[in-house]
Amino acid sequence: MKWFTKKSTDDAPGFWKAYLETFREPLPEFAHQTTYVAFDTETTGFDFNQDRILALGAVKILDNQIRLDDTLEIYTTQDHFNPDTVPIHGILHNPRHQTISELEMLKQFLDYIGNAPLIAHHANFDIGMINQALKRHGLPPLKNKVVDTMKFYRRGLITSNLVDKQRSYSLDEVAEKLNVPLKDRHTAAGDAFITALIFMKLWRRWEKKKSLKTKTLIRVQ
């Protein structure tokens, strides 16, 4: 169903209008005042057109603290199944977890994130999977600012001439370098939590007496 066109938002669904409404509120000036959302997706594969999101995990960060009382974990009903990826994410075709439709997943995710900057490792993939799901339901892409912890980490190493400035660092590599435990690796919720810890450690390298501005932190990658 095509709810939305570029010319008009009158026929957009209520949950999308509510999401857009959150962007009327500007982000706080200082980084520690801003709520961020670290998230991760587990998918049937890496093809934006053919593959689907199996699970999504997200956690909020405020004042350089992970809000364990405000998390999101979703498993979606599997219309597409790739048995080759099961050893990675461990999600079977008939999982024990309660599942919801892709559209309901999008509704819950948009309600959860609002206008918060999004944090992800190799963010282009996770953002791309969400945007492709939105496109399937006739909706535009996400509007949120994005911080890629891989690029953020690489930016912190840029002062060394020994560092390959084009290298792509895996979540495992960055976590190991920063002494972040890899608990619940390859689960959406677990990887979202690991990403949040990495983000906070990198943030502390840039923070100066809580004077770091939100727009500066978002650009530091």
N, C-alpha and C. Protein backbone atom coordinates (compact mmCIF):
# COMPACT_ATOMS: atom_id res chain seq x y z
N MET A 1 0.84 -1.20 0.00
CA MET A 1 0.00 0.00 0.00
C MET A 1 0.88 1.25 0.00
N LYS A 2 0.62 2.19 -0.92
CA LYS A 2 1.38 3.42 -1.00
C LYS A 2 0.64 4.52 -0.24
N TRP A 3 1.04 4.69 1.02
CA TRP A 3 0.37 5.69 1.84
C TRP A 3 0.89 7.10 1.57
N PHE A 4 2.11 7.19 1.06
CA PHE A 4 2.81 8.46 1.08
C PHE A 4 3.35 8.82 -0.29
N THR A 5 3.26 10.05 -0.67
CA THR A 5 3.93 10.56 -1.86
C THR A 5 4.75 11.78 -1.45
N LYS A 6 5.71 12.15 -2.28
CA LYS A 6 6.55 13.31 -1.97
C LYS A 6 5.74 14.60 -2.00
N LYS A 7 4.66 14.61 -2.74
CA LYS A 7 3.89 15.84 -2.89
C LYS A 7 2.99 16.12 -1.70
N SER A 8 2.61 15.08 -0.97
CA SER A 8 1.65 15.29 0.11
C SER A 8 1.84 14.26 1.20
N THR A 9 1.61 14.69 2.44
CA THR A 9 1.66 13.76 3.57
C THR A 9 0.27 13.52 4.15
N ASP A 10 -0.75 14.05 3.49
CA ASP A 10 -2.11 13.95 4.03
C ASP A 10 -2.55 12.51 4.19
N ASP A 11 -2.10 11.62 3.28
CA ASP A 11 -2.54 10.25 3.35
C ASP A 11 -1.56 9.34 4.08
N ALA A 12 -0.54 9.93 4.72
CA ALA A 12 0.42 9.14 5.48
C ALA A 12 -0.25 8.56 6.72
N PRO A 13 0.17 7.38 7.17
CA PRO A 13 -0.42 6.78 8.37
C PRO A 13 -0.09 7.58 9.62
N GLY A 14 -0.91 7.40 10.64
CA GLY A 14 -0.76 8.18 11.87
C GLY A 14 0.59 8.01 12.53
N PHE A 15 1.13 6.78 12.53
CA PHE A 15 2.40 6.56 13.21
C PHE A 15 3.54 7.30 12.51
N TRP A 16 3.45 7.46 11.18
CA TRP A 16 4.48 8.20 10.46
C TRP A 16 4.36 9.70 10.73
N LYS A 17 3.13 10.19 10.79
CA LYS A 17 2.93 11.61 11.12
C LYS A 17 3.43 11.92 12.52
N ALA A 18 3.19 11.00 13.47
CA ALA A 18 3.67 11.20 14.83
C ALA A 18 5.19 11.23 14.87
N TYR A 19 5.82 10.36 14.08
CA TYR A 19 7.28 10.34 13.99
C TYR A 19 7.80 11.67 13.45
N LEU A 20 7.20 12.17 12.36
CA LEU A 20 7.63 13.44 11.79
C LEU A 20 7.46 14.58 12.78
N GLU A 21 6.43 14.50 13.58
CA GLU A 21 6.14 15.57 14.54
C GLU A 21 7.27 15.73 15.56
N THR A 22 7.97 14.63 15.88
CA THR A 22 9.05 14.72 16.88
C THR A 22 10.20 15.60 16.39
N PHE A 23 10.32 15.79 15.08
CA PHE A 23 11.42 16.60 14.55
C PHE A 23 11.14 18.09 14.62
N ARG A 24 9.96 18.45 15.07
CA ARG A 24 9.69 19.87 15.33
C ARG A 24 10.49 20.35 16.54
N GLU A 25 10.84 19.42 17.41
CA GLU A 25 11.62 19.74 18.61
C GLU A 25 13.10 19.61 18.27
N PRO A 26 13.88 20.68 18.38
CA PRO A 26 15.31 20.59 18.07
C PRO A 26 16.05 19.74 19.10
N LEU A 27 17.14 19.15 18.69
CA LEU A 27 17.95 18.39 19.63
C LEU A 27 18.59 19.34 20.64
N PRO A 28 18.82 18.88 21.86
CA PRO A 28 19.49 19.72 22.86
C PRO A 28 20.86 20.20 22.37
N GLU A 29 21.31 21.31 22.87
CA GLU A 29 22.57 21.88 22.39
C GLU A 29 23.77 21.01 22.76
N PHE A 30 23.76 20.49 24.00
CA PHE A 30 24.93 19.75 24.48
C PHE A 30 24.71 18.25 24.39
N ALA A 31 25.81 17.54 24.10
CA ALA A 31 25.74 16.11 23.85
C ALA A 31 25.18 15.32 25.02
N HIS A 32 25.56 15.71 26.24
CA HIS A 32 25.10 14.94 27.40
C HIS A 32 23.62 15.13 27.69
N GLN A 33 23.00 16.13 27.09
CA GLN A 33 21.58 16.37 27.28
C GLN A 33 20.71 15.63 26.25
N THR A 34 21.36 15.06 25.26
CA THR A 34 20.67 14.45 24.13
C THR A 34 20.47 12.96 24.37
N THR A 35 19.29 12.47 24.00
CA THR A 35 19.02 11.03 24.03
C THR A 35 19.44 10.42 22.69
N TYR A 36 20.23 9.36 22.76
CA TYR A 36 20.66 8.63 21.58
C TYR A 36 20.06 7.23 21.62
N VAL A 37 19.94 6.60 20.47
CA VAL A 37 19.45 5.22 20.41
C VAL A 37 20.47 4.37 19.67
N ALA A 38 21.09 3.42 20.39
CA ALA A 38 21.96 2.44 19.76
C ALA A 38 21.09 1.26 19.33
N PHE A 39 21.27 0.81 18.09
CA PHE A 39 20.42 -0.29 17.64
C PHE A 39 21.18 -1.23 16.71
N ASP A 40 20.60 -2.40 16.52
CA ASP A 40 21.19 -3.40 15.64
C ASP A 40 20.07 -4.24 15.04
N THR A 41 20.31 -4.74 13.84
CA THR A 41 19.35 -5.65 13.21
C THR A 41 20.03 -6.98 12.90
N GLU A 42 19.28 -8.06 13.05
CA GLU A 42 19.72 -9.37 12.55
C GLU A 42 18.83 -9.68 11.36
N THR A 43 19.43 -10.12 10.26
CA THR A 43 18.70 -10.24 9.00
C THR A 43 18.90 -11.61 8.36
N THR A 44 18.10 -11.87 7.34
CA THR A 44 18.22 -13.13 6.61
C THR A 44 19.43 -13.14 5.68
N GLY A 45 20.05 -11.99 5.49
CA GLY A 45 21.21 -11.87 4.60
C GLY A 45 21.56 -10.41 4.40
N PHE A 46 22.32 -10.13 3.35
CA PHE A 46 22.86 -8.78 3.17
C PHE A 46 22.34 -8.07 1.93
N ASP A 47 21.31 -8.61 1.31
CA ASP A 47 20.73 -8.00 0.12
C ASP A 47 19.54 -7.14 0.53
N PHE A 48 19.65 -5.83 0.30
CA PHE A 48 18.58 -4.92 0.74
C PHE A 48 17.24 -5.24 0.09
N ASN A 49 17.26 -5.72 -1.13
CA ASN A 49 16.01 -5.98 -1.84
C ASN A 49 15.39 -7.32 -1.48
N GLN A 50 16.23 -8.34 -1.32
CA GLN A 50 15.72 -9.69 -1.11
C GLN A 50 15.59 -10.09 0.36
N ASP A 51 16.48 -9.59 1.20
CA ASP A 51 16.50 -10.05 2.59
C ASP A 51 15.64 -9.20 3.51
N ARG A 52 15.39 -9.74 4.69
CA ARG A 52 14.46 -9.13 5.64
C ARG A 52 15.07 -9.08 7.05
N ILE A 53 14.50 -8.21 7.88
CA ILE A 53 14.92 -8.09 9.27
C ILE A 53 14.25 -9.19 10.09
N LEU A 54 15.06 -9.98 10.77
CA LEU A 54 14.54 -11.04 11.64
C LEU A 54 14.31 -10.51 13.06
N ALA A 55 15.24 -9.68 13.51
CA ALA A 55 15.15 -9.17 14.88
C ALA A 55 15.78 -7.78 14.92
N LEU A 56 15.29 -6.98 15.85
CA LEU A 56 15.80 -5.63 16.05
C LEU A 56 15.94 -5.38 17.54
N GLY A 57 17.09 -4.88 17.93
CA GLY A 57 17.31 -4.52 19.32
C GLY A 57 17.76 -3.09 19.43
N ALA A 58 17.33 -2.39 20.47
CA ALA A 58 17.69 -0.98 20.64
C ALA A 58 17.73 -0.63 22.12
N VAL A 59 18.60 0.33 22.44
CA VAL A 59 18.71 0.80 23.82
C VAL A 59 19.01 2.30 23.78
N LYS A 60 18.47 3.03 24.75
CA LYS A 60 18.67 4.48 24.79
C LYS A 60 19.87 4.83 25.67
N ILE A 61 20.52 5.94 25.30
CA ILE A 61 21.67 6.47 26.02
C ILE A 61 21.38 7.93 26.34
N LEU A 62 21.54 8.30 27.60
CA LEU A 62 21.33 9.69 28.02
C LEU A 62 22.35 10.03 29.10
N ASP A 63 23.00 11.16 28.95
CA ASP A 63 24.03 11.62 29.89
C ASP A 63 25.12 10.57 30.06
N ASN A 64 25.50 9.96 28.94
CA ASN A 64 26.56 8.95 28.91
C ASN A 64 26.25 7.75 29.79
N GLN A 65 24.96 7.41 29.89
CA GLN A 65 24.54 6.23 30.63
C GLN A 65 23.54 5.45 29.78
N ILE A 66 23.69 4.13 29.81
CA ILE A 66 22.75 3.28 29.09
C ILE A 66 21.50 3.12 29.94
N ARG A 67 20.35 3.37 29.33
CA ARG A 67 19.08 3.27 30.04
C ARG A 67 18.54 1.84 29.93
N LEU A 68 18.95 1.00 30.85
CA LEU A 68 18.52 -0.39 30.82
C LEU A 68 17.03 -0.55 31.13
N ASP A 69 16.42 0.52 31.63
CA ASP A 69 14.98 0.48 31.90
C ASP A 69 14.16 0.91 30.69
N ASP A 70 14.84 1.17 29.59
CA ASP A 70 14.13 1.66 28.39
C ASP A 70 14.77 1.04 27.15
N THR A 71 14.49 -0.23 26.91
CA THR A 71 15.07 -0.94 25.77
C THR A 71 13.96 -1.46 24.86
N LEU A 72 14.37 -1.91 23.68
CA LEU A 72 13.42 -2.45 22.71
C LEU A 72 14.01 -3.70 22.09
N GLU A 73 13.22 -4.76 22.04
CA GLU A 73 13.65 -6.00 21.39
C GLU A 73 12.45 -6.57 20.63
N ILE A 74 12.62 -6.74 19.32
CA ILE A 74 11.53 -7.16 18.45
C ILE A 74 11.98 -8.32 17.58
N TYR A 75 11.10 -9.30 17.44
CA TYR A 75 11.31 -10.38 16.48
C TYR A 75 10.18 -10.31 15.46
N THR A 76 10.54 -10.35 14.19
CA THR A 76 9.52 -10.21 13.15
C THR A 76 9.13 -11.57 12.57
N THR A 77 7.91 -11.64 12.11
CA THR A 77 7.42 -12.84 11.44
C THR A 77 8.21 -13.05 10.16
N GLN A 78 8.68 -14.27 9.93
CA GLN A 78 9.59 -14.54 8.82
C GLN A 78 8.85 -15.00 7.57
N ASP A 79 8.75 -14.09 6.62
CA ASP A 79 8.23 -14.44 5.30
C ASP A 79 9.35 -14.94 4.40
N HIS A 80 10.58 -14.52 4.73
CA HIS A 80 11.76 -14.96 3.99
C HIS A 80 12.67 -15.68 4.98
N PHE A 81 13.23 -16.81 4.56
CA PHE A 81 14.07 -17.58 5.48
C PHE A 81 15.30 -18.08 4.74
N ASN A 82 16.46 -17.83 5.34
CA ASN A 82 17.73 -18.27 4.77
C ASN A 82 18.43 -19.14 5.80
N PRO A 83 18.42 -20.47 5.65
CA PRO A 83 19.02 -21.35 6.64
C PRO A 83 20.52 -21.15 6.79
N ASP A 84 21.16 -20.56 5.78
CA ASP A 84 22.61 -20.35 5.85
C ASP A 84 23.00 -19.33 6.91
N THR A 85 22.08 -18.45 7.28
CA THR A 85 22.41 -17.42 8.27
C THR A 85 22.07 -17.82 9.69
N VAL A 86 21.40 -18.93 9.88
CA VAL A 86 21.01 -19.37 11.23
C VAL A 86 22.21 -19.55 12.16
N PRO A 87 23.34 -20.15 11.69
CA PRO A 87 24.50 -20.27 12.59
C PRO A 87 25.03 -18.95 13.10
N ILE A 88 24.73 -17.85 12.41
CA ILE A 88 25.21 -16.52 12.83
C ILE A 88 24.30 -15.92 13.88
N HIS A 89 23.02 -15.82 13.57
CA HIS A 89 22.10 -15.14 14.50
C HIS A 89 21.31 -16.09 15.39
N GLY A 90 21.26 -17.37 15.03
CA GLY A 90 20.59 -18.36 15.88
C GLY A 90 19.08 -18.30 15.86
N ILE A 91 18.49 -17.54 14.93
CA ILE A 91 17.04 -17.41 14.87
C ILE A 91 16.49 -18.44 13.90
N LEU A 92 15.70 -19.34 14.38
CA LEU A 92 15.15 -20.41 13.56
C LEU A 92 13.90 -19.95 12.83
N HIS A 93 13.47 -20.76 11.86
CA HIS A 93 12.28 -20.42 11.07
C HIS A 93 11.04 -20.36 11.95
N ASN A 94 10.97 -21.17 12.96
CA ASN A 94 9.86 -21.15 13.91
C ASN A 94 10.40 -20.83 15.30
N PRO A 95 10.73 -19.58 15.56
CA PRO A 95 11.37 -19.22 16.82
C PRO A 95 10.41 -19.32 17.99
N ARG A 96 11.00 -19.42 19.18
CA ARG A 96 10.20 -19.44 20.39
C ARG A 96 9.74 -18.04 20.79
N HIS A 97 10.41 -17.03 20.25
CA HIS A 97 10.05 -15.66 20.57
C HIS A 97 8.73 -15.29 19.91
N GLN A 98 7.97 -14.45 20.58
CA GLN A 98 6.75 -13.92 19.97
C GLN A 98 7.15 -12.99 18.83
N THR A 99 6.52 -13.13 17.69
CA THR A 99 6.87 -12.32 16.53
C THR A 99 5.72 -11.39 16.14
N ILE A 100 6.09 -10.31 15.45
CA ILE A 100 5.11 -9.35 14.94
C ILE A 100 5.40 -9.09 13.48
N SER A 101 4.50 -8.45 12.79
CA SER A 101 4.68 -8.15 11.37
C SER A 101 5.75 -7.09 11.17
N GLU A 102 6.26 -7.02 9.95
CA GLU A 102 7.24 -6.00 9.62
C GLU A 102 6.68 -4.60 9.84
N LEU A 103 5.44 -4.37 9.47
CA LEU A 103 4.83 -3.06 9.64
C LEU A 103 4.72 -2.70 11.12
N GLU A 104 4.33 -3.65 11.95
CA GLU A 104 4.23 -3.38 13.38
C GLU A 104 5.62 -3.12 13.96
N MET A 105 6.63 -3.81 13.46
CA MET A 105 8.01 -3.56 13.89
C MET A 105 8.40 -2.11 13.60
N LEU A 106 8.07 -1.64 12.39
CA LEU A 106 8.38 -0.26 12.03
C LEU A 106 7.65 0.73 12.92
N LYS A 107 6.40 0.46 13.21
CA LYS A 107 5.62 1.35 14.09
C LYS A 107 6.29 1.47 15.45
N GLN A 108 6.65 0.33 16.04
CA GLN A 108 7.26 0.33 17.37
C GLN A 108 8.62 1.01 17.36
N PHE A 109 9.40 0.75 16.32
CA PHE A 109 10.74 1.34 16.24
C PHE A 109 10.67 2.85 16.10
N LEU A 110 9.81 3.35 15.22
CA LEU A 110 9.69 4.80 15.03
C LEU A 110 9.17 5.48 16.29
N ASP A 111 8.24 4.85 16.97
CA ASP A 111 7.73 5.40 18.23
C ASP A 111 8.84 5.44 19.28
N TYR A 112 9.71 4.45 19.26
CA TYR A 112 10.80 4.36 20.24
C TYR A 112 11.88 5.41 19.99
N ILE A 113 12.27 5.60 18.72
CA ILE A 113 13.41 6.47 18.43
C ILE A 113 13.05 7.95 18.35
N GLY A 114 11.85 8.29 17.89
CA GLY A 114 11.53 9.70 17.71
C GLY A 114 12.60 10.39 16.87
N ASN A 115 13.06 11.54 17.34
CA ASN A 115 14.08 12.30 16.60
C ASN A 115 15.49 12.04 17.11
N ALA A 116 15.69 11.02 17.93
CA ALA A 116 16.99 10.75 18.54
C ALA A 116 18.03 10.38 17.49
N PRO A 117 19.27 10.86 17.64
CA PRO A 117 20.34 10.38 16.77
C PRO A 117 20.52 8.87 16.95
N LEU A 118 20.75 8.16 15.87
CA LEU A 118 20.87 6.71 15.90
C LEU A 118 22.34 6.31 15.89
N ILE A 119 22.68 5.30 16.68
CA ILE A 119 24.04 4.79 16.81
C ILE A 119 24.05 3.35 16.32
N ALA A 120 24.94 3.03 15.38
CA ALA A 120 25.04 1.66 14.87
C ALA A 120 26.45 1.42 14.37
N HIS A 121 26.86 0.16 14.34
CA HIS A 121 28.17 -0.20 13.82
C HIS A 121 28.00 -0.67 12.38
N HIS A 122 28.78 -0.06 11.46
CA HIS A 122 28.51 -0.22 10.03
C HIS A 122 27.06 0.19 9.78
N ALA A 123 26.77 1.42 10.15
CA ALA A 123 25.40 1.93 10.19
C ALA A 123 24.69 1.88 8.85
N ASN A 124 25.43 2.01 7.75
CA ASN A 124 24.77 2.02 6.44
C ASN A 124 23.93 0.77 6.22
N PHE A 125 24.39 -0.36 6.75
CA PHE A 125 23.63 -1.60 6.55
C PHE A 125 22.33 -1.58 7.34
N ASP A 126 22.42 -1.30 8.65
CA ASP A 126 21.21 -1.34 9.49
C ASP A 126 20.21 -0.27 9.07
N ILE A 127 20.71 0.94 8.79
CA ILE A 127 19.83 2.00 8.31
C ILE A 127 19.22 1.61 6.97
N GLY A 128 20.02 1.01 6.10
CA GLY A 128 19.52 0.59 4.80
C GLY A 128 18.43 -0.45 4.89
N MET A 129 18.56 -1.40 5.83
CA MET A 129 17.53 -2.42 6.00
C MET A 129 16.23 -1.81 6.51
N ILE A 130 16.34 -0.86 7.44
CA ILE A 130 15.13 -0.18 7.94
C ILE A 130 14.49 0.63 6.81
N ASN A 131 15.30 1.37 6.07
CA ASN A 131 14.76 2.19 4.99
C ASN A 131 14.10 1.35 3.91
N GLN A 132 14.67 0.18 3.63
CA GLN A 132 14.06 -0.69 2.62
C GLN A 132 12.72 -1.22 3.12
N ALA A 133 12.63 -1.52 4.41
CA ALA A 133 11.35 -1.96 4.98
C ALA A 133 10.33 -0.84 4.90
N LEU A 134 10.75 0.38 5.20
CA LEU A 134 9.85 1.53 5.08
C LEU A 134 9.37 1.69 3.64
N LYS A 135 10.29 1.54 2.71
CA LYS A 135 9.95 1.67 1.29
C LYS A 135 8.90 0.64 0.87
N ARG A 136 9.02 -0.58 1.39
CA ARG A 136 8.04 -1.62 1.04
C ARG A 136 6.63 -1.24 1.47
N HIS A 137 6.54 -0.36 2.47
CA HIS A 137 5.23 0.06 2.96
C HIS A 137 4.89 1.48 2.50
N GLY A 138 5.57 1.92 1.45
CA GLY A 138 5.24 3.20 0.83
C GLY A 138 5.66 4.41 1.63
N LEU A 139 6.68 4.26 2.48
CA LEU A 139 7.10 5.36 3.35
C LEU A 139 8.51 5.82 3.01
N PRO A 140 8.83 7.09 3.31
CA PRO A 140 10.16 7.63 3.05
C PRO A 140 11.20 7.06 4.02
N PRO A 141 12.48 7.35 3.80
CA PRO A 141 13.53 6.87 4.69
C PRO A 141 13.55 7.60 6.03
N LEU A 142 14.31 7.05 6.97
CA LEU A 142 14.49 7.66 8.27
C LEU A 142 15.07 9.07 8.14
N LYS A 143 14.69 9.94 9.07
CA LYS A 143 15.16 11.32 9.08
C LYS A 143 16.24 11.56 10.14
N ASN A 144 16.49 10.60 10.99
CA ASN A 144 17.39 10.80 12.13
C ASN A 144 18.84 11.00 11.71
N LYS A 145 19.57 11.78 12.51
CA LYS A 145 21.02 11.84 12.39
C LYS A 145 21.59 10.48 12.77
N VAL A 146 22.74 10.14 12.22
CA VAL A 146 23.32 8.82 12.45
C VAL A 146 24.80 8.94 12.81
N VAL A 147 25.22 8.16 13.80
CA VAL A 147 26.63 8.03 14.15
C VAL A 147 27.03 6.58 13.93
N ASP A 148 28.04 6.36 13.11
CA ASP A 148 28.57 5.02 12.85
C ASP A 148 29.76 4.80 13.77
N THR A 149 29.66 3.86 14.70
CA THR A 149 30.74 3.65 15.67
C THR A 149 32.01 3.14 15.01
N MET A 150 31.91 2.49 13.85
CA MET A 150 33.12 2.08 13.14
C MET A 150 33.89 3.32 12.68
N LYS A 151 33.18 4.27 12.07
CA LYS A 151 33.83 5.50 11.60
C LYS A 151 34.29 6.36 12.78
N PHE A 152 33.51 6.35 13.84
CA PHE A 152 33.85 7.10 15.05
C PHE A 152 35.17 6.56 15.62
N TYR A 153 35.29 5.25 15.69
CA TYR A 153 36.51 4.62 16.19
C TYR A 153 37.69 4.94 15.27
N ARG A 154 37.49 4.83 13.98
CA ARG A 154 38.56 5.10 13.02
C ARG A 154 39.02 6.55 13.10
N ARG A 155 38.08 7.45 13.34
CA ARG A 155 38.42 8.88 13.47
C ARG A 155 39.34 9.09 14.67
N GLY A 156 39.14 8.34 15.72
CA GLY A 156 39.98 8.46 16.91
C GLY A 156 41.40 7.98 16.69
N LEU A 157 41.63 7.17 15.65
CA LEU A 157 42.95 6.65 15.35
C LEU A 157 43.68 7.45 14.28
N ILE A 158 43.04 8.48 13.80
CA ILE A 158 43.53 9.15 12.59
C ILE A 158 44.86 9.86 12.81
N THR A 159 45.24 10.11 14.08
CA THR A 159 46.49 10.81 14.36
C THR A 159 47.71 9.92 14.14
N SER A 160 47.49 8.62 14.03
CA SER A 160 48.60 7.69 13.83
C SER A 160 48.83 7.43 12.34
N ASN A 161 50.08 7.56 11.91
CA ASN A 161 50.41 7.30 10.51
C ASN A 161 50.39 5.82 10.19
N LEU A 162 50.32 4.97 11.22
CA LEU A 162 50.33 3.53 11.02
C LEU A 162 48.93 2.98 10.77
N VAL A 163 47.92 3.82 10.90
CA VAL A 163 46.54 3.38 10.77
C VAL A 163 46.06 3.51 9.33
N ASP A 164 45.43 2.45 8.84
CA ASP A 164 44.81 2.49 7.51
C ASP A 164 43.49 3.23 7.65
N LYS A 165 43.45 4.44 7.12
CA LYS A 165 42.28 5.30 7.31
C LYS A 165 41.06 4.83 6.52
N GLN A 166 41.24 3.85 5.64
CA GLN A 166 40.12 3.32 4.87
C GLN A 166 39.66 1.95 5.36
N ARG A 167 40.34 1.41 6.35
CA ARG A 167 40.01 0.07 6.81
C ARG A 167 38.66 0.05 7.52
N SER A 168 37.95 -1.04 7.32
CA SER A 168 36.67 -1.23 8.00
C SER A 168 36.87 -2.16 9.19
N TYR A 169 36.61 -1.64 10.40
CA TYR A 169 36.83 -2.40 11.63
C TYR A 169 35.53 -3.08 12.06
N SER A 170 35.62 -4.36 12.37
CA SER A 170 34.44 -5.11 12.80
C SER A 170 34.06 -4.73 14.23
N LEU A 171 32.84 -5.07 14.60
CA LEU A 171 32.38 -4.83 15.96
C LEU A 171 33.26 -5.57 16.95
N ASP A 172 33.66 -6.79 16.62
CA ASP A 172 34.51 -7.57 17.52
C ASP A 172 35.86 -6.89 17.72
N GLU A 173 36.45 -6.39 16.64
CA GLU A 173 37.75 -5.74 16.74
C GLU A 173 37.69 -4.50 17.63
N VAL A 174 36.70 -3.67 17.39
CA VAL A 174 36.59 -2.43 18.17
C VAL A 174 36.30 -2.74 19.64
N ALA A 175 35.40 -3.70 19.88
CA ALA A 175 35.08 -4.07 21.25
C ALA A 175 36.32 -4.58 21.98
N GLU A 176 37.12 -5.38 21.30
CA GLU A 176 38.34 -5.91 21.92
C GLU A 176 39.33 -4.79 22.23
N LYS A 177 39.50 -3.86 21.30
CA LYS A 177 40.43 -2.75 21.52
C LYS A 177 40.00 -1.86 22.68
N LEU A 178 38.69 -1.75 22.88
CA LEU A 178 38.17 -0.87 23.94
C LEU A 178 37.80 -1.63 25.21
N ASN A 179 38.11 -2.92 25.24
CA ASN A 179 37.81 -3.76 26.42
C ASN A 179 36.31 -3.80 26.73
N VAL A 180 35.53 -3.91 25.68
CA VAL A 180 34.08 -4.05 25.83
C VAL A 180 33.73 -5.53 25.72
N PRO A 181 33.07 -6.12 26.72
CA PRO A 181 32.74 -7.55 26.67
C PRO A 181 31.76 -7.87 25.54
N LEU A 182 31.97 -9.01 24.91
CA LEU A 182 31.14 -9.41 23.76
C LEU A 182 30.04 -10.38 24.20
N LYS A 183 29.31 -10.02 25.22
CA LYS A 183 28.23 -10.85 25.72
C LYS A 183 27.04 -10.77 24.76
N ASP A 184 26.39 -11.92 24.51
CA ASP A 184 25.21 -11.99 23.64
C ASP A 184 25.51 -11.47 22.23
N ARG A 185 26.73 -11.72 21.76
CA ARG A 185 27.11 -11.33 20.39
C ARG A 185 26.22 -12.05 19.38
N HIS A 186 25.90 -11.36 18.29
CA HIS A 186 25.05 -11.86 17.22
C HIS A 186 23.61 -12.07 17.65
N THR A 187 23.19 -11.34 18.67
CA THR A 187 21.76 -11.13 18.91
C THR A 187 21.54 -9.63 18.73
N ALA A 188 20.38 -9.25 18.26
CA ALA A 188 20.13 -7.83 18.00
C ALA A 188 20.25 -7.01 19.28
N ALA A 189 19.65 -7.50 20.36
CA ALA A 189 19.70 -6.76 21.63
C ALA A 189 21.13 -6.72 22.17
N GLY A 190 21.84 -7.86 22.07
CA GLY A 190 23.21 -7.92 22.57
C GLY A 190 24.14 -7.01 21.80
N ASP A 191 24.02 -7.01 20.48
CA ASP A 191 24.89 -6.16 19.66
C ASP A 191 24.54 -4.68 19.84
N ALA A 192 23.28 -4.36 20.08
CA ALA A 192 22.90 -2.97 20.36
C ALA A 192 23.55 -2.50 21.65
N PHE A 193 23.58 -3.36 22.66
CA PHE A 193 24.20 -3.01 23.94
C PHE A 193 25.71 -2.84 23.78
N ILE A 194 26.35 -3.74 23.04
CA ILE A 194 27.80 -3.62 22.78
C ILE A 194 28.09 -2.32 22.04
N THR A 195 27.27 -1.99 21.05
CA THR A 195 27.45 -0.75 20.30
C THR A 195 27.29 0.47 21.20
N ALA A 196 26.34 0.40 22.12
CA ALA A 196 26.13 1.51 23.06
C ALA A 196 27.36 1.69 23.95
N LEU A 197 27.94 0.60 24.43
CA LEU A 197 29.14 0.69 25.27
C LEU A 197 30.32 1.28 24.48
N ILE A 198 30.48 0.84 23.23
CA ILE A 198 31.54 1.38 22.38
C ILE A 198 31.34 2.88 22.17
N PHE A 199 30.12 3.28 21.88
CA PHE A 199 29.81 4.69 21.67
C PHE A 199 30.18 5.52 22.90
N MET A 200 29.82 5.03 24.08
CA MET A 200 30.11 5.79 25.30
C MET A 200 31.61 5.92 25.53
N LYS A 201 32.36 4.84 25.27
CA LYS A 201 33.82 4.90 25.47
C LYS A 201 34.46 5.88 24.51
N LEU A 202 33.99 5.89 23.26
CA LEU A 202 34.51 6.83 22.29
C LEU A 202 34.10 8.26 22.63
N TRP A 203 32.88 8.41 23.10
CA TRP A 203 32.36 9.72 23.49
C TRP A 203 33.26 10.33 24.57
N ARG A 204 33.65 9.53 25.55
CA ARG A 204 34.44 10.04 26.66
C ARG A 204 35.80 10.57 26.21
N ARG A 205 36.28 10.09 25.07
CA ARG A 205 37.54 10.60 24.54
C ARG A 205 37.41 12.03 24.02
N TRP A 206 36.17 12.39 23.67
CA TRP A 206 35.93 13.73 23.10
C TRP A 206 35.31 14.69 24.11
N GLU A 207 34.69 14.15 25.14
CA GLU A 207 33.97 14.99 26.10
C GLU A 207 34.92 15.85 26.91
N LYS A 208 34.62 17.13 27.05
CA LYS A 208 35.40 18.06 27.85
C LYS A 208 34.47 18.81 28.79
N LYS A 209 34.38 18.31 30.02
CA LYS A 209 33.58 18.97 31.07
C LYS A 209 32.15 19.23 30.62
N LYS A 210 31.58 18.23 29.95
CA LYS A 210 30.19 18.31 29.48
C LYS A 210 29.92 19.53 28.61
N SER A 211 30.96 19.98 27.89
CA SER A 211 30.79 21.13 27.01
C SER A 211 30.69 20.71 25.54
N LEU A 212 30.80 19.41 25.27
CA LEU A 212 30.72 18.93 23.89
C LEU A 212 29.31 19.13 23.35
N LYS A 213 29.21 19.74 22.20
CA LYS A 213 27.90 20.02 21.62
C LYS A 213 27.40 18.83 20.81
N THR A 214 26.09 18.67 20.77
CA THR A 214 25.47 17.55 20.07
C THR A 214 25.90 17.53 18.61
N LYS A 215 25.84 18.66 17.94
CA LYS A 215 26.18 18.70 16.52
C LYS A 215 27.64 18.33 16.28
N THR A 216 28.50 18.63 17.26
CA THR A 216 29.91 18.27 17.12
C THR A 216 30.10 16.76 17.27
N LEU A 217 29.43 16.18 18.24
CA LEU A 217 29.56 14.74 18.46
C LEU A 217 29.03 13.97 17.25
N ILE A 218 27.94 14.42 16.68
CA ILE A 218 27.36 13.73 15.52
C ILE A 218 28.31 13.79 14.33
N ARG A 219 29.10 14.87 14.24
CA ARG A 219 30.02 15.02 13.11
C ARG A 219 31.35 14.31 13.33
N VAL A 220 31.63 13.88 14.56
CA VAL A 220 32.93 13.26 14.87
C VAL A 220 32.93 11.82 14.41
N GLN A 221 33.06 11.62 13.12
CA GLN A 221 33.13 10.26 12.55
C GLN A 221 33.64 10.35 11.12
